[in-house]
Amino acid sequence: MDNQHNALIYLPAFRKRLLRPTTRLLIWLVSLLLGLSLAGCSVMWVSNYDKESVDRTTEISKAVIKFYQDLLATDVKSRPAAIAGPFGKREGDVASIMRLHVLREEGRSKNAEGALVARNLVLSWEKFSTSHASADKTALSDSTLIAERGILERHLRSGFRAEEAKKMSASADSSSSK
């Protein structure tokens, strides 16, 4: 009983010794964070604005829109032959440009979201290209092509918006540091 009584007496002193270094560390961390915030340090969570990315996205957009415009202008009965011929080559050319864009986006640091947008664009393009080459009669109908174009335009719009947000963020950072 006497040993238990002694253990209870020393327990608060033991806790006191444990809390002091923890309290010191907490005070030190709060001071450090306060100092950094007052010094104007900023942490970058996303990639910088990249004009080349916008230019690539613009070129891909032009190619996609032109491809769908020309395909929609082609007679419905002639579309399968067009896809087997010159339009098939154009699909491959656009896919190559898109894949290059994916590689460039993946190569940028802190750009996981931009790379994801680019990968989703390529996946949709490849899915639609496969559909165009299939024997499915609805794959080349006006309504299907218009829907596909809309999906691809949404992907491209996401890429433009992401870069625009990075541009706005960079200008806000530079104006706040003045």
N, C-alpha and C. Protein backbone atom coordinates (compact mmCIF):
# COMPACT_ATOMS: atom_id res chain seq x y z
N MET A 1 0.82 -1.19 0.00
CA MET A 1 0.00 0.00 0.00
C MET A 1 0.86 1.25 0.00
N ASP A 2 1.95 1.17 0.72
CA ASP A 2 2.83 2.32 0.80
C ASP A 2 3.47 2.62 -0.56
N ASN A 3 3.79 1.56 -1.35
CA ASN A 3 4.37 1.76 -2.68
C ASN A 3 3.36 2.40 -3.63
N GLN A 4 2.11 2.01 -3.50
CA GLN A 4 1.07 2.62 -4.34
C GLN A 4 0.91 4.09 -3.99
N HIS A 5 0.97 4.39 -2.74
CA HIS A 5 0.83 5.77 -2.28
C HIS A 5 1.98 6.62 -2.83
N ASN A 6 3.20 6.08 -2.81
CA ASN A 6 4.35 6.81 -3.34
C ASN A 6 4.23 7.01 -4.85
N ALA A 7 3.70 6.02 -5.55
CA ALA A 7 3.54 6.13 -7.00
C ALA A 7 2.57 7.24 -7.35
N LEU A 8 1.52 7.40 -6.57
CA LEU A 8 0.55 8.45 -6.82
C LEU A 8 1.13 9.83 -6.54
N ILE A 9 1.98 9.90 -5.59
CA ILE A 9 2.60 11.18 -5.26
C ILE A 9 3.53 11.62 -6.38
N TYR A 10 4.27 10.70 -6.97
CA TYR A 10 5.23 11.06 -8.00
C TYR A 10 4.59 11.18 -9.39
N LEU A 11 3.40 10.69 -9.58
CA LEU A 11 2.75 10.74 -10.87
C LEU A 11 2.56 12.17 -11.39
N PRO A 12 2.04 13.12 -10.60
CA PRO A 12 1.91 14.48 -11.11
C PRO A 12 3.26 15.09 -11.48
N ALA A 13 4.29 14.81 -10.73
CA ALA A 13 5.61 15.34 -11.04
C ALA A 13 6.10 14.73 -12.37
N PHE A 14 5.81 13.47 -12.59
CA PHE A 14 6.20 12.79 -13.82
C PHE A 14 5.50 13.43 -15.03
N ARG A 15 4.21 13.69 -14.90
CA ARG A 15 3.46 14.34 -15.97
C ARG A 15 4.00 15.74 -16.24
N LYS A 16 4.36 16.42 -15.21
CA LYS A 16 4.87 17.78 -15.34
C LYS A 16 6.14 17.79 -16.19
N ARG A 17 7.00 16.82 -15.95
CA ARG A 17 8.24 16.74 -16.72
C ARG A 17 7.96 16.39 -18.18
N LEU A 18 6.94 15.60 -18.46
CA LEU A 18 6.60 15.24 -19.83
C LEU A 18 5.98 16.41 -20.59
N LEU A 19 5.21 17.20 -19.90
CA LEU A 19 4.52 18.29 -20.57
C LEU A 19 5.45 19.46 -20.89
N ARG A 20 6.44 19.68 -20.12
CA ARG A 20 7.31 20.84 -20.34
C ARG A 20 7.97 20.81 -21.72
N PRO A 21 8.63 19.74 -22.13
CA PRO A 21 9.22 19.74 -23.48
C PRO A 21 8.16 19.84 -24.57
N THR A 22 7.02 19.22 -24.36
CA THR A 22 5.94 19.29 -25.34
C THR A 22 5.43 20.71 -25.45
N THR A 23 5.26 21.36 -24.32
CA THR A 23 4.80 22.74 -24.31
C THR A 23 5.82 23.64 -24.98
N ARG A 24 7.08 23.42 -24.70
CA ARG A 24 8.14 24.21 -25.35
C ARG A 24 8.11 24.02 -26.86
N LEU A 25 7.96 22.79 -27.28
CA LEU A 25 7.90 22.50 -28.71
C LEU A 25 6.70 23.18 -29.36
N LEU A 26 5.57 23.12 -28.71
CA LEU A 26 4.36 23.76 -29.23
C LEU A 26 4.55 25.26 -29.34
N ILE A 27 5.12 25.87 -28.33
CA ILE A 27 5.36 27.33 -28.36
C ILE A 27 6.35 27.65 -29.48
N TRP A 28 7.37 26.83 -29.64
CA TRP A 28 8.35 27.05 -30.69
C TRP A 28 7.71 26.96 -32.08
N LEU A 29 6.86 25.95 -32.29
CA LEU A 29 6.18 25.79 -33.57
C LEU A 29 5.25 26.95 -33.89
N VAL A 30 4.48 27.38 -32.88
CA VAL A 30 3.57 28.51 -33.07
C VAL A 30 4.37 29.76 -33.41
N SER A 31 5.48 29.97 -32.72
CA SER A 31 6.33 31.13 -33.00
C SER A 31 6.90 31.08 -34.41
N LEU A 32 7.34 29.89 -34.81
CA LEU A 32 7.89 29.73 -36.15
C LEU A 32 6.83 30.02 -37.21
N LEU A 33 5.64 29.46 -37.04
CA LEU A 33 4.56 29.70 -38.01
C LEU A 33 4.16 31.16 -38.06
N LEU A 34 4.10 31.80 -36.91
CA LEU A 34 3.76 33.22 -36.86
C LEU A 34 4.83 34.04 -37.55
N GLY A 35 6.08 33.71 -37.30
CA GLY A 35 7.18 34.43 -37.93
C GLY A 35 7.17 34.28 -39.44
N LEU A 36 6.93 33.06 -39.92
CA LEU A 36 6.88 32.84 -41.36
C LEU A 36 5.70 33.57 -42.00
N SER A 37 4.58 33.57 -41.33
CA SER A 37 3.41 34.25 -41.91
C SER A 37 3.63 35.76 -41.95
N LEU A 38 4.29 36.30 -40.95
CA LEU A 38 4.55 37.74 -40.94
C LEU A 38 5.63 38.12 -41.94
N ALA A 39 6.52 37.20 -42.23
CA ALA A 39 7.60 37.46 -43.19
C ALA A 39 7.10 37.39 -44.63
N GLY A 40 5.89 36.94 -44.85
CA GLY A 40 5.32 36.89 -46.19
C GLY A 40 5.70 35.65 -46.97
N CYS A 41 6.10 34.61 -46.31
CA CYS A 41 6.43 33.37 -47.00
C CYS A 41 5.14 32.74 -47.52
N SER A 42 5.24 32.17 -48.70
CA SER A 42 4.07 31.47 -49.23
C SER A 42 4.50 30.09 -49.69
N VAL A 43 3.59 29.15 -49.56
CA VAL A 43 3.84 27.79 -49.98
C VAL A 43 3.10 27.57 -51.29
N MET A 44 3.76 26.99 -52.28
CA MET A 44 3.12 26.73 -53.56
C MET A 44 2.61 25.31 -53.61
N TRP A 45 1.32 25.17 -53.83
CA TRP A 45 0.70 23.85 -53.87
C TRP A 45 0.42 23.39 -55.29
N VAL A 46 0.45 24.31 -56.24
CA VAL A 46 0.17 23.97 -57.63
C VAL A 46 1.31 24.47 -58.52
N SER A 47 1.32 23.98 -59.73
CA SER A 47 2.34 24.36 -60.69
C SER A 47 2.15 25.81 -61.12
N ASN A 48 3.20 26.40 -61.65
CA ASN A 48 3.12 27.74 -62.20
C ASN A 48 2.33 27.73 -63.51
N TYR A 49 1.84 28.89 -63.89
CA TYR A 49 1.17 29.07 -65.17
C TYR A 49 2.16 28.72 -66.28
N ASP A 50 1.69 28.02 -67.30
CA ASP A 50 2.55 27.60 -68.40
C ASP A 50 1.88 27.95 -69.72
N LYS A 51 2.39 28.99 -70.39
CA LYS A 51 1.81 29.42 -71.66
C LYS A 51 1.90 28.32 -72.71
N GLU A 52 2.95 27.52 -72.67
CA GLU A 52 3.08 26.41 -73.63
C GLU A 52 1.93 25.42 -73.47
N SER A 53 1.50 25.20 -72.24
CA SER A 53 0.37 24.30 -72.01
C SER A 53 -0.90 24.87 -72.63
N VAL A 54 -1.09 26.16 -72.49
CA VAL A 54 -2.25 26.82 -73.09
C VAL A 54 -2.17 26.73 -74.61
N ASP A 55 -0.98 26.93 -75.16
CA ASP A 55 -0.80 26.84 -76.62
C ASP A 55 -1.09 25.43 -77.13
N ARG A 56 -0.60 24.41 -76.40
CA ARG A 56 -0.87 23.02 -76.81
C ARG A 56 -2.36 22.73 -76.74
N THR A 57 -3.00 23.17 -75.69
CA THR A 57 -4.44 22.95 -75.52
C THR A 57 -5.21 23.66 -76.64
N THR A 58 -4.75 24.84 -77.02
CA THR A 58 -5.39 25.57 -78.12
C THR A 58 -5.26 24.79 -79.42
N GLU A 59 -4.07 24.27 -79.70
CA GLU A 59 -3.86 23.50 -80.93
C GLU A 59 -4.71 22.22 -80.93
N ILE A 60 -4.79 21.55 -79.80
CA ILE A 60 -5.62 20.35 -79.70
C ILE A 60 -7.09 20.73 -79.91
N SER A 61 -7.51 21.84 -79.33
CA SER A 61 -8.90 22.29 -79.48
C SER A 61 -9.23 22.55 -80.94
N LYS A 62 -8.33 23.23 -81.62
CA LYS A 62 -8.55 23.50 -83.05
C LYS A 62 -8.68 22.19 -83.84
N ALA A 63 -7.78 21.25 -83.56
CA ALA A 63 -7.80 19.98 -84.29
C ALA A 63 -9.08 19.19 -84.02
N VAL A 64 -9.51 19.17 -82.76
CA VAL A 64 -10.72 18.43 -82.39
C VAL A 64 -11.96 19.06 -83.02
N ILE A 65 -12.07 20.38 -82.90
CA ILE A 65 -13.24 21.07 -83.45
C ILE A 65 -13.29 20.92 -84.97
N LYS A 66 -12.14 21.07 -85.62
CA LYS A 66 -12.08 20.92 -87.09
C LYS A 66 -12.43 19.49 -87.50
N PHE A 67 -11.92 18.51 -86.77
CA PHE A 67 -12.22 17.11 -87.08
C PHE A 67 -13.72 16.87 -87.02
N TYR A 68 -14.36 17.28 -85.94
CA TYR A 68 -15.80 17.04 -85.79
C TYR A 68 -16.62 17.88 -86.77
N GLN A 69 -16.19 19.10 -87.07
CA GLN A 69 -16.90 19.91 -88.06
C GLN A 69 -16.89 19.22 -89.42
N ASP A 70 -15.69 18.78 -89.81
CA ASP A 70 -15.57 18.12 -91.12
C ASP A 70 -16.33 16.80 -91.15
N LEU A 71 -16.29 16.05 -90.07
CA LEU A 71 -17.00 14.77 -90.03
C LEU A 71 -18.51 14.98 -90.06
N LEU A 72 -18.99 15.99 -89.36
CA LEU A 72 -20.43 16.29 -89.38
C LEU A 72 -20.86 16.81 -90.74
N ALA A 73 -19.96 17.47 -91.48
CA ALA A 73 -20.29 17.99 -92.81
C ALA A 73 -20.30 16.88 -93.86
N THR A 74 -19.70 15.74 -93.52
CA THR A 74 -19.67 14.59 -94.43
C THR A 74 -21.02 13.88 -94.39
N ASP A 75 -21.47 13.40 -95.52
CA ASP A 75 -22.73 12.67 -95.60
C ASP A 75 -22.68 11.45 -94.66
N VAL A 76 -23.78 11.20 -93.97
CA VAL A 76 -23.83 10.12 -92.97
C VAL A 76 -23.44 8.78 -93.57
N LYS A 77 -23.87 8.51 -94.80
CA LYS A 77 -23.56 7.22 -95.43
C LYS A 77 -22.08 7.11 -95.82
N SER A 78 -21.42 8.24 -96.00
CA SER A 78 -20.00 8.24 -96.40
C SER A 78 -19.05 8.24 -95.20
N ARG A 79 -19.57 8.44 -94.03
CA ARG A 79 -18.70 8.56 -92.85
C ARG A 79 -17.87 7.32 -92.55
N PRO A 80 -18.44 6.10 -92.62
CA PRO A 80 -17.59 4.93 -92.34
C PRO A 80 -16.37 4.85 -93.27
N ALA A 81 -16.57 5.14 -94.55
CA ALA A 81 -15.45 5.11 -95.49
C ALA A 81 -14.46 6.22 -95.19
N ALA A 82 -14.97 7.39 -94.79
CA ALA A 82 -14.09 8.51 -94.45
C ALA A 82 -13.23 8.18 -93.22
N ILE A 83 -13.83 7.50 -92.24
CA ILE A 83 -13.09 7.10 -91.04
C ILE A 83 -12.03 6.05 -91.41
N ALA A 84 -12.36 5.16 -92.33
CA ALA A 84 -11.40 4.14 -92.77
C ALA A 84 -10.27 4.78 -93.58
N GLY A 85 -10.51 5.97 -94.13
CA GLY A 85 -9.51 6.63 -94.97
C GLY A 85 -8.89 7.84 -94.30
N PRO A 86 -9.11 9.02 -94.86
CA PRO A 86 -8.41 10.22 -94.39
C PRO A 86 -8.76 10.65 -92.96
N PHE A 87 -10.00 10.44 -92.56
CA PHE A 87 -10.38 10.82 -91.20
C PHE A 87 -9.71 9.93 -90.15
N GLY A 88 -9.46 8.69 -90.51
CA GLY A 88 -8.76 7.78 -89.60
C GLY A 88 -7.34 8.26 -89.34
N LYS A 89 -6.67 8.74 -90.39
CA LYS A 89 -5.32 9.29 -90.23
C LYS A 89 -5.35 10.53 -89.35
N ARG A 90 -6.34 11.39 -89.56
CA ARG A 90 -6.46 12.61 -88.74
C ARG A 90 -6.70 12.26 -87.28
N GLU A 91 -7.51 11.21 -87.04
CA GLU A 91 -7.73 10.78 -85.65
C GLU A 91 -6.40 10.38 -85.00
N GLY A 92 -5.58 9.68 -85.75
CA GLY A 92 -4.27 9.27 -85.25
C GLY A 92 -3.36 10.45 -84.99
N ASP A 93 -3.40 11.45 -85.88
CA ASP A 93 -2.58 12.64 -85.70
C ASP A 93 -2.99 13.42 -84.45
N VAL A 94 -4.29 13.56 -84.25
CA VAL A 94 -4.79 14.27 -83.06
C VAL A 94 -4.43 13.50 -81.80
N ALA A 95 -4.54 12.18 -81.85
CA ALA A 95 -4.18 11.35 -80.69
C ALA A 95 -2.71 11.53 -80.34
N SER A 96 -1.85 11.65 -81.35
CA SER A 96 -0.42 11.85 -81.09
C SER A 96 -0.16 13.18 -80.40
N ILE A 97 -0.83 14.22 -80.87
CA ILE A 97 -0.68 15.55 -80.24
C ILE A 97 -1.15 15.49 -78.79
N MET A 98 -2.26 14.79 -78.56
CA MET A 98 -2.80 14.67 -77.20
C MET A 98 -1.85 13.91 -76.29
N ARG A 99 -1.26 12.84 -76.81
CA ARG A 99 -0.32 12.05 -75.99
C ARG A 99 0.91 12.87 -75.62
N LEU A 100 1.40 13.66 -76.56
CA LEU A 100 2.52 14.55 -76.26
C LEU A 100 2.13 15.53 -75.16
N HIS A 101 0.93 16.03 -75.25
CA HIS A 101 0.43 16.97 -74.22
C HIS A 101 0.40 16.29 -72.85
N VAL A 102 -0.05 15.04 -72.80
CA VAL A 102 -0.07 14.30 -71.54
C VAL A 102 1.35 14.19 -70.97
N LEU A 103 2.30 13.82 -71.83
CA LEU A 103 3.68 13.70 -71.36
C LEU A 103 4.21 15.01 -70.80
N ARG A 104 3.92 16.10 -71.48
CA ARG A 104 4.38 17.41 -71.01
C ARG A 104 3.70 17.80 -69.69
N GLU A 105 2.42 17.53 -69.57
CA GLU A 105 1.71 17.86 -68.34
C GLU A 105 2.20 17.00 -67.17
N GLU A 106 2.48 15.73 -67.43
CA GLU A 106 2.98 14.85 -66.37
C GLU A 106 4.40 15.24 -65.96
N GLY A 107 5.14 15.85 -66.86
CA GLY A 107 6.51 16.26 -66.57
C GLY A 107 6.61 17.52 -65.74
N ARG A 108 5.53 18.27 -65.62
CA ARG A 108 5.54 19.50 -64.81
C ARG A 108 5.35 19.15 -63.34
N SER A 109 6.13 19.79 -62.49
CA SER A 109 5.99 19.52 -61.06
C SER A 109 4.71 20.15 -60.53
N LYS A 110 4.14 19.52 -59.53
CA LYS A 110 2.92 19.99 -58.86
C LYS A 110 1.76 20.20 -59.83
N ASN A 111 1.65 19.32 -60.82
CA ASN A 111 0.63 19.48 -61.85
C ASN A 111 -0.20 18.21 -62.03
N ALA A 112 -0.49 17.54 -60.93
CA ALA A 112 -1.24 16.28 -61.02
C ALA A 112 -2.62 16.49 -61.64
N GLU A 113 -3.25 17.60 -61.31
CA GLU A 113 -4.59 17.84 -61.83
C GLU A 113 -4.57 18.12 -63.33
N GLY A 114 -3.58 18.90 -63.78
CA GLY A 114 -3.44 19.17 -65.21
C GLY A 114 -3.17 17.90 -65.99
N ALA A 115 -2.34 17.03 -65.42
CA ALA A 115 -2.03 15.75 -66.07
C ALA A 115 -3.28 14.87 -66.13
N LEU A 116 -4.08 14.90 -65.07
CA LEU A 116 -5.32 14.11 -65.05
C LEU A 116 -6.29 14.59 -66.13
N VAL A 117 -6.42 15.89 -66.29
CA VAL A 117 -7.29 16.44 -67.33
C VAL A 117 -6.81 15.97 -68.71
N ALA A 118 -5.50 16.03 -68.93
CA ALA A 118 -4.94 15.61 -70.22
C ALA A 118 -5.15 14.11 -70.46
N ARG A 119 -4.96 13.29 -69.42
CA ARG A 119 -5.17 11.84 -69.57
C ARG A 119 -6.64 11.53 -69.86
N ASN A 120 -7.55 12.21 -69.19
CA ASN A 120 -8.98 12.01 -69.44
C ASN A 120 -9.35 12.39 -70.87
N LEU A 121 -8.73 13.44 -71.37
CA LEU A 121 -8.96 13.85 -72.76
C LEU A 121 -8.53 12.75 -73.72
N VAL A 122 -7.34 12.20 -73.51
CA VAL A 122 -6.84 11.14 -74.39
C VAL A 122 -7.73 9.90 -74.29
N LEU A 123 -8.12 9.54 -73.08
CA LEU A 123 -8.97 8.35 -72.91
C LEU A 123 -10.30 8.52 -73.65
N SER A 124 -10.89 9.70 -73.55
CA SER A 124 -12.15 9.94 -74.27
C SER A 124 -11.93 9.88 -75.77
N TRP A 125 -10.86 10.51 -76.26
CA TRP A 125 -10.57 10.50 -77.69
C TRP A 125 -10.39 9.08 -78.20
N GLU A 126 -9.63 8.28 -77.45
CA GLU A 126 -9.39 6.89 -77.88
C GLU A 126 -10.68 6.07 -77.87
N LYS A 127 -11.51 6.31 -76.87
CA LYS A 127 -12.80 5.60 -76.80
C LYS A 127 -13.66 5.97 -78.00
N PHE A 128 -13.71 7.25 -78.34
CA PHE A 128 -14.52 7.69 -79.47
C PHE A 128 -13.94 7.19 -80.79
N SER A 129 -12.61 7.20 -80.91
CA SER A 129 -11.97 6.72 -82.14
C SER A 129 -12.27 5.24 -82.36
N THR A 130 -12.22 4.46 -81.29
CA THR A 130 -12.55 3.04 -81.38
C THR A 130 -14.00 2.85 -81.79
N SER A 131 -14.86 3.67 -81.22
CA SER A 131 -16.28 3.61 -81.56
C SER A 131 -16.51 3.94 -83.04
N HIS A 132 -15.79 4.93 -83.54
CA HIS A 132 -15.95 5.33 -84.95
C HIS A 132 -15.57 4.20 -85.90
N ALA A 133 -14.56 3.43 -85.53
CA ALA A 133 -14.09 2.34 -86.39
C ALA A 133 -14.96 1.08 -86.27
N SER A 134 -15.85 1.06 -85.29
CA SER A 134 -16.70 -0.12 -85.11
C SER A 134 -17.80 -0.17 -86.17
N ALA A 135 -18.50 -1.26 -86.20
CA ALA A 135 -19.60 -1.44 -87.17
C ALA A 135 -20.92 -0.85 -86.64
N ASP A 136 -20.88 -0.26 -85.46
CA ASP A 136 -22.08 0.32 -84.86
C ASP A 136 -22.56 1.50 -85.71
N LYS A 137 -23.79 1.44 -86.19
CA LYS A 137 -24.32 2.48 -87.07
C LYS A 137 -24.57 3.80 -86.35
N THR A 138 -24.83 3.73 -85.05
CA THR A 138 -25.09 4.98 -84.31
C THR A 138 -23.80 5.70 -83.93
N ALA A 139 -22.65 5.04 -84.07
CA ALA A 139 -21.37 5.64 -83.67
C ALA A 139 -21.04 6.89 -84.48
N LEU A 140 -21.52 6.96 -85.70
CA LEU A 140 -21.21 8.10 -86.56
C LEU A 140 -22.44 8.97 -86.86
N SER A 141 -23.48 8.81 -86.04
CA SER A 141 -24.67 9.64 -86.23
C SER A 141 -24.38 11.07 -85.76
N ASP A 142 -25.17 12.00 -86.26
CA ASP A 142 -24.98 13.41 -85.88
C ASP A 142 -25.07 13.59 -84.36
N SER A 143 -26.08 12.98 -83.76
CA SER A 143 -26.27 13.18 -82.31
C SER A 143 -25.10 12.61 -81.51
N THR A 144 -24.56 11.46 -81.91
CA THR A 144 -23.42 10.88 -81.21
C THR A 144 -22.18 11.76 -81.36
N LEU A 145 -21.94 12.22 -82.57
CA LEU A 145 -20.76 13.06 -82.83
C LEU A 145 -20.84 14.39 -82.07
N ILE A 146 -22.02 14.96 -82.03
CA ILE A 146 -22.21 16.22 -81.29
C ILE A 146 -21.98 16.00 -79.79
N ALA A 147 -22.48 14.88 -79.27
CA ALA A 147 -22.28 14.56 -77.85
C ALA A 147 -20.79 14.34 -77.55
N GLU A 148 -20.11 13.62 -78.42
CA GLU A 148 -18.67 13.38 -78.23
C GLU A 148 -17.89 14.69 -78.26
N ARG A 149 -18.21 15.53 -79.21
CA ARG A 149 -17.54 16.83 -79.31
C ARG A 149 -17.74 17.64 -78.02
N GLY A 150 -18.95 17.60 -77.49
CA GLY A 150 -19.23 18.31 -76.24
C GLY A 150 -18.39 17.79 -75.07
N ILE A 151 -18.24 16.48 -74.99
CA ILE A 151 -17.43 15.88 -73.92
C ILE A 151 -15.97 16.31 -74.05
N LEU A 152 -15.45 16.25 -75.27
CA LEU A 152 -14.06 16.65 -75.50
C LEU A 152 -13.86 18.14 -75.22
N GLU A 153 -14.83 18.95 -75.59
CA GLU A 153 -14.74 20.39 -75.31
C GLU A 153 -14.73 20.66 -73.81
N ARG A 154 -15.47 19.87 -73.04
CA ARG A 154 -15.45 20.03 -71.56
C ARG A 154 -14.06 19.72 -71.01
N HIS A 155 -13.44 18.65 -71.51
CA HIS A 155 -12.07 18.33 -71.08
C HIS A 155 -11.12 19.48 -71.41
N LEU A 156 -11.22 19.97 -72.61
CA LEU A 156 -10.33 21.06 -73.04
C LEU A 156 -10.58 22.33 -72.24
N ARG A 157 -11.85 22.63 -71.98
CA ARG A 157 -12.20 23.80 -71.17
C ARG A 157 -11.60 23.68 -69.77
N SER A 158 -11.59 22.46 -69.22
CA SER A 158 -10.99 22.24 -67.89
C SER A 158 -9.51 22.56 -67.91
N GLY A 159 -8.83 22.17 -68.99
CA GLY A 159 -7.41 22.48 -69.11
C GLY A 159 -7.17 23.98 -69.18
N PHE A 160 -7.99 24.69 -69.95
CA PHE A 160 -7.85 26.15 -70.04
C PHE A 160 -8.12 26.81 -68.69
N ARG A 161 -9.15 26.36 -68.00
CA ARG A 161 -9.50 26.96 -66.70
C ARG A 161 -8.42 26.71 -65.66
N ALA A 162 -7.83 25.52 -65.69
CA ALA A 162 -6.77 25.21 -64.73
C ALA A 162 -5.59 26.16 -64.92
N GLU A 163 -5.19 26.37 -66.16
CA GLU A 163 -4.06 27.27 -66.42
C GLU A 163 -4.43 28.72 -66.10
N GLU A 164 -5.66 29.10 -66.39
CA GLU A 164 -6.09 30.47 -66.08
C GLU A 164 -6.07 30.70 -64.56
N ALA A 165 -6.48 29.70 -63.80
CA ALA A 165 -6.45 29.82 -62.33
C ALA A 165 -5.02 29.97 -61.84
N LYS A 166 -4.09 29.23 -62.44
CA LYS A 166 -2.68 29.34 -62.06
C LYS A 166 -2.15 30.73 -62.40
N LYS A 167 -2.58 31.26 -63.53
CA LYS A 167 -2.16 32.60 -63.93
C LYS A 167 -2.68 33.64 -62.95
N MET A 168 -3.95 33.52 -62.57
CA MET A 168 -4.54 34.45 -61.61
C MET A 168 -3.87 34.33 -60.25
N SER A 169 -3.55 33.11 -59.85
CA SER A 169 -2.88 32.89 -58.57
C SER A 169 -1.51 33.52 -58.58
N ALA A 170 -0.79 33.39 -59.67
CA ALA A 170 0.56 33.98 -59.78
C ALA A 170 0.49 35.50 -59.72
N SER A 171 -0.51 36.09 -60.39
CA SER A 171 -0.62 37.55 -60.36
C SER A 171 -1.05 38.04 -58.98
N ALA A 172 -1.87 37.24 -58.28
CA ALA A 172 -2.27 37.63 -56.92
C ALA A 172 -1.07 37.54 -55.98
N ASP A 173 -0.24 36.52 -56.16
CA ASP A 173 0.96 36.38 -55.32
C ASP A 173 1.93 37.53 -55.55
N SER A 174 2.10 37.91 -56.81
CA SER A 174 3.06 38.98 -57.11
C SER A 174 2.54 40.33 -56.62
N SER A 175 1.23 40.56 -56.67
CA SER A 175 0.69 41.83 -56.19
C SER A 175 0.69 41.91 -54.67
N SER A 176 0.56 40.78 -53.99
CA SER A 176 0.56 40.81 -52.53
C SER A 176 1.96 40.96 -51.96
N SER A 177 2.98 40.62 -52.76
CA SER A 177 4.35 40.75 -52.26
C SER A 177 4.93 42.13 -52.50
N LYS A 178 4.18 42.98 -53.22
CA LYS A 178 4.67 44.35 -53.50
C LYS A 178 4.50 45.27 -52.34
